[in-house]
Amino acid sequence: MKTCIDVGGHVGETVEAILDHGYEFEKIYSFEAVRSCAEAIREINDRRLVAIEAGLSNSDREAMIFGAGSVGASIYQNHPHATGCAERCRFLNSTKRFRENVST
């Protein structure tokens, strides 16, 4: 199965691009931790798309995202582009998630 994994989906720019250019993915997983952005991705009407409201990390945890929803959002409060509101978000252990869900 030809699968795409979009990490940090923002508002679906990558998803829209791969749908528009006909890459023929059978399944598209888009990980986005910021609620409003994940909701925007969910509005993309395509049966192949699975929007997951979580970021990927080295552990299962919650963390603040500074500048939530902006292009410069970051888990680092002092990042120069992480301006605006902050939001507590969920993160998944990427190693664990891929071991459980991806076969080689």
C-alpha atoms as a PDB file:
ATOM      1  CA  MET A   1       0.000   0.000   0.000  1.00  0.00           C
ATOM      2  CA  LYS A   2       1.360   3.419  -0.963  1.00  0.00           C
ATOM      3  CA  THR A   3       1.133   5.529   2.223  1.00  0.00           C
ATOM      4  CA  CYS A   4       2.049   9.126   3.039  1.00  0.00           C
ATOM      5  CA  ILE A   5       2.869  10.377   6.540  1.00  0.00           C
ATOM      6  CA  ASP A   6       2.609  14.138   7.018  1.00  0.00           C
ATOM      7  CA  VAL A   7       4.215  15.233  10.293  1.00  0.00           C
ATOM      8  CA  GLY A   8       3.233  18.689  11.481  1.00  0.00           C
ATOM      9  CA  GLY A   9       0.324  18.987   9.075  1.00  0.00           C
ATOM     10  CA  HIS A  10      -0.407  22.647   9.969  1.00  0.00           C
ATOM     11  CA  VAL A  11      -3.664  23.330   8.092  1.00  0.00           C
ATOM     12  CA  GLY A  12      -3.272  20.685   5.408  1.00  0.00           C
ATOM     13  CA  GLU A  13      -0.995  22.340   2.847  1.00  0.00           C
ATOM     14  CA  THR A  14       0.946  19.125   2.197  1.00  0.00           C
ATOM     15  CA  VAL A  15      -2.204  17.015   2.110  1.00  0.00           C
ATOM     16  CA  GLU A  16      -3.802  19.371  -0.420  1.00  0.00           C
ATOM     17  CA  ALA A  17      -0.644  19.353  -2.564  1.00  0.00           C
ATOM     18  CA  ILE A  18      -0.363  15.578  -2.739  1.00  0.00           C
ATOM     19  CA  LEU A  19      -4.072  15.231  -3.465  1.00  0.00           C
ATOM     20  CA  ASP A  20      -3.907  17.874  -6.218  1.00  0.00           C
ATOM     21  CA  HIS A  21      -0.861  16.379  -7.900  1.00  0.00           C
ATOM     22  CA  GLY A  22      -2.221  12.840  -8.035  1.00  0.00           C
ATOM     23  CA  TYR A  23       0.541  10.957  -6.228  1.00  0.00           C
ATOM     24  CA  GLU A  24      -1.929   8.084  -5.861  1.00  0.00           C
ATOM     25  CA  PHE A  25      -1.443   7.465  -2.141  1.00  0.00           C
ATOM     26  CA  GLU A  26      -3.887   4.893  -0.834  1.00  0.00           C
ATOM     27  CA  LYS A  27      -3.676   6.254   2.737  1.00  0.00           C
ATOM     28  CA  ILE A  28      -2.552   9.621   4.097  1.00  0.00           C
ATOM     29  CA  TYR A  29      -1.854  10.119   7.803  1.00  0.00           C
ATOM     30  CA  SER A  30      -1.495  13.719   8.906  1.00  0.00           C
ATOM     31  CA  PHE A  31      -0.191  14.366  12.428  1.00  0.00           C
ATOM     32  CA  GLU A  32      -1.003  17.812  13.833  1.00  0.00           C
ATOM     33  CA  ALA A  33      -0.931  18.657  17.535  1.00  0.00           C
ATOM     34  CA  VAL A  34      -2.712  22.044  17.474  1.00  0.00           C
ATOM     35  CA  ARG A  35      -6.480  21.551  17.726  1.00  0.00           C
ATOM     36  CA  SER A  36      -7.580  24.281  15.283  1.00  0.00           C
ATOM     37  CA  CYS A  37      -5.084  23.077  12.682  1.00  0.00           C
ATOM     38  CA  ALA A  38      -6.111  19.427  13.091  1.00  0.00           C
ATOM     39  CA  GLU A  39      -9.737  20.508  12.634  1.00  0.00           C
ATOM     40  CA  ALA A  40      -8.804  22.288   9.384  1.00  0.00           C
ATOM     41  CA  ILE A  41      -7.178  19.080   8.119  1.00  0.00           C
ATOM     42  CA  ARG A  42     -10.287  17.088   9.056  1.00  0.00           C
ATOM     43  CA  GLU A  43     -12.332  19.386   6.804  1.00  0.00           C
ATOM     44  CA  ILE A  44     -10.456  18.080   3.754  1.00  0.00           C
ATOM     45  CA  ASN A  45     -12.919  15.648   2.252  1.00  0.00           C
ATOM     46  CA  ASP A  46     -10.978  12.597   1.121  1.00  0.00           C
ATOM     47  CA  ARG A  47     -11.602   9.001   2.209  1.00  0.00           C
ATOM     48  CA  ARG A  48      -7.853   8.254   2.254  1.00  0.00           C
ATOM     49  CA  LEU A  49      -7.054  10.944   4.832  1.00  0.00           C
ATOM     50  CA  VAL A  50      -6.669  10.226   8.543  1.00  0.00           C
ATOM     51  CA  ALA A  51      -6.046  13.348  10.642  1.00  0.00           C
ATOM     52  CA  ILE A  52      -4.420  12.582  13.984  1.00  0.00           C
ATOM     53  CA  GLU A  53      -4.587  15.341  16.588  1.00  0.00           C
ATOM     54  CA  ALA A  54      -1.150  14.751  18.060  1.00  0.00           C
ATOM     55  CA  GLY A  55       2.456  15.555  17.361  1.00  0.00           C
ATOM     56  CA  LEU A  56       5.271  13.033  17.217  1.00  0.00           C
ATOM     57  CA  SER A  57       8.032  12.996  19.804  1.00  0.00           C
ATOM     58  CA  ASN A  58      10.417  10.699  21.637  1.00  0.00           C
ATOM     59  CA  SER A  59       7.811   9.963  24.345  1.00  0.00           C
ATOM     60  CA  ASP A  60       4.084   9.941  24.995  1.00  0.00           C
ATOM     61  CA  ARG A  61       3.454  13.257  26.734  1.00  0.00           C
ATOM     62  CA  GLU A  62       1.765  16.621  26.746  1.00  0.00           C
ATOM     63  CA  ALA A  63       3.685  19.804  26.040  1.00  0.00           C
ATOM     64  CA  MET A  64       3.039  23.430  25.283  1.00  0.00           C
ATOM     65  CA  ILE A  65       3.247  24.673  21.717  1.00  0.00           C
ATOM     66  CA  PHE A  66       4.089  28.357  21.534  1.00  0.00           C
ATOM     67  CA  GLY A  67       2.702  30.325  18.614  1.00  0.00           C
ATOM     68  CA  ALA A  68       0.066  27.606  18.205  1.00  0.00           C
ATOM     69  CA  GLY A  69      -1.395  27.646  14.718  1.00  0.00           C
ATOM     70  CA  SER A  70       1.316  29.845  13.226  1.00  0.00           C
ATOM     71  CA  VAL A  71       3.925  28.724  10.717  1.00  0.00           C
ATOM     72  CA  GLY A  72       6.648  29.382  13.320  1.00  0.00           C
ATOM     73  CA  ALA A  73       5.049  27.359  16.131  1.00  0.00           C
ATOM     74  CA  SER A  74       7.473  25.597  18.438  1.00  0.00           C
ATOM     75  CA  ILE A  75       7.747  23.653  21.665  1.00  0.00           C
ATOM     76  CA  TYR A  76      10.515  26.100  22.543  1.00  0.00           C
ATOM     77  CA  GLN A  77       9.123  29.243  24.139  1.00  0.00           C
ATOM     78  CA  ASN A  78      12.141  31.346  23.183  1.00  0.00           C
ATOM     79  CA  HIS A  79      12.044  30.402  19.474  1.00  0.00           C
ATOM     80  CA  PRO A  80      12.034  33.712  17.561  1.00  0.00           C
ATOM     81  CA  HIS A  81       9.067  32.779  15.328  1.00  0.00           C
ATOM     82  CA  ALA A  82       6.914  31.243  18.077  1.00  0.00           C
ATOM     83  CA  THR A  83       4.794  34.300  18.735  1.00  0.00           C
ATOM     84  CA  GLY A  84       1.167  34.398  19.733  1.00  0.00           C
ATOM     85  CA  CYS A  85      -0.896  32.091  21.885  1.00  0.00           C
ATOM     86  CA  ALA A  86       0.286  28.864  23.500  1.00  0.00           C
ATOM     87  CA  GLU A  87      -1.638  25.602  23.624  1.00  0.00           C
ATOM     88  CA  ARG A  88      -1.155  22.389  25.587  1.00  0.00           C
ATOM     89  CA  CYS A  89      -0.930  19.558  23.049  1.00  0.00           C
ATOM     90  CA  ARG A  90      -0.569  15.790  22.964  1.00  0.00           C
ATOM     91  CA  PHE A  91       2.519  14.071  21.595  1.00  0.00           C
ATOM     92  CA  LEU A  92       3.001  10.397  20.756  1.00  0.00           C
ATOM     93  CA  ASN A  93       6.156   8.336  20.968  1.00  0.00           C
ATOM     94  CA  SER A  94       7.039   8.016  17.283  1.00  0.00           C
ATOM     95  CA  THR A  95       9.215   4.914  17.684  1.00  0.00           C
ATOM     96  CA  LYS A  96       6.477   3.065  19.562  1.00  0.00           C
ATOM     97  CA  ARG A  97       3.750   4.203  17.153  1.00  0.00           C
ATOM     98  CA  PHE A  98       5.661   3.142  14.034  1.00  0.00           C
ATOM     99  CA  ARG A  99       6.703  -0.210  15.520  1.00  0.00           C
ATOM    100  CA  GLU A 100       3.044  -0.955  16.299  1.00  0.00           C
ATOM    101  CA  ASN A 101       1.610   0.288  12.996  1.00  0.00           C
ATOM    102  CA  VAL A 102       4.179  -0.002  10.222  1.00  0.00           C
ATOM    103  CA  SER A 103       5.372  -3.253   8.692  1.00  0.00           C
ATOM    104  CA  THR A 104       8.419  -3.607   6.492  1.00  0.00           C
END
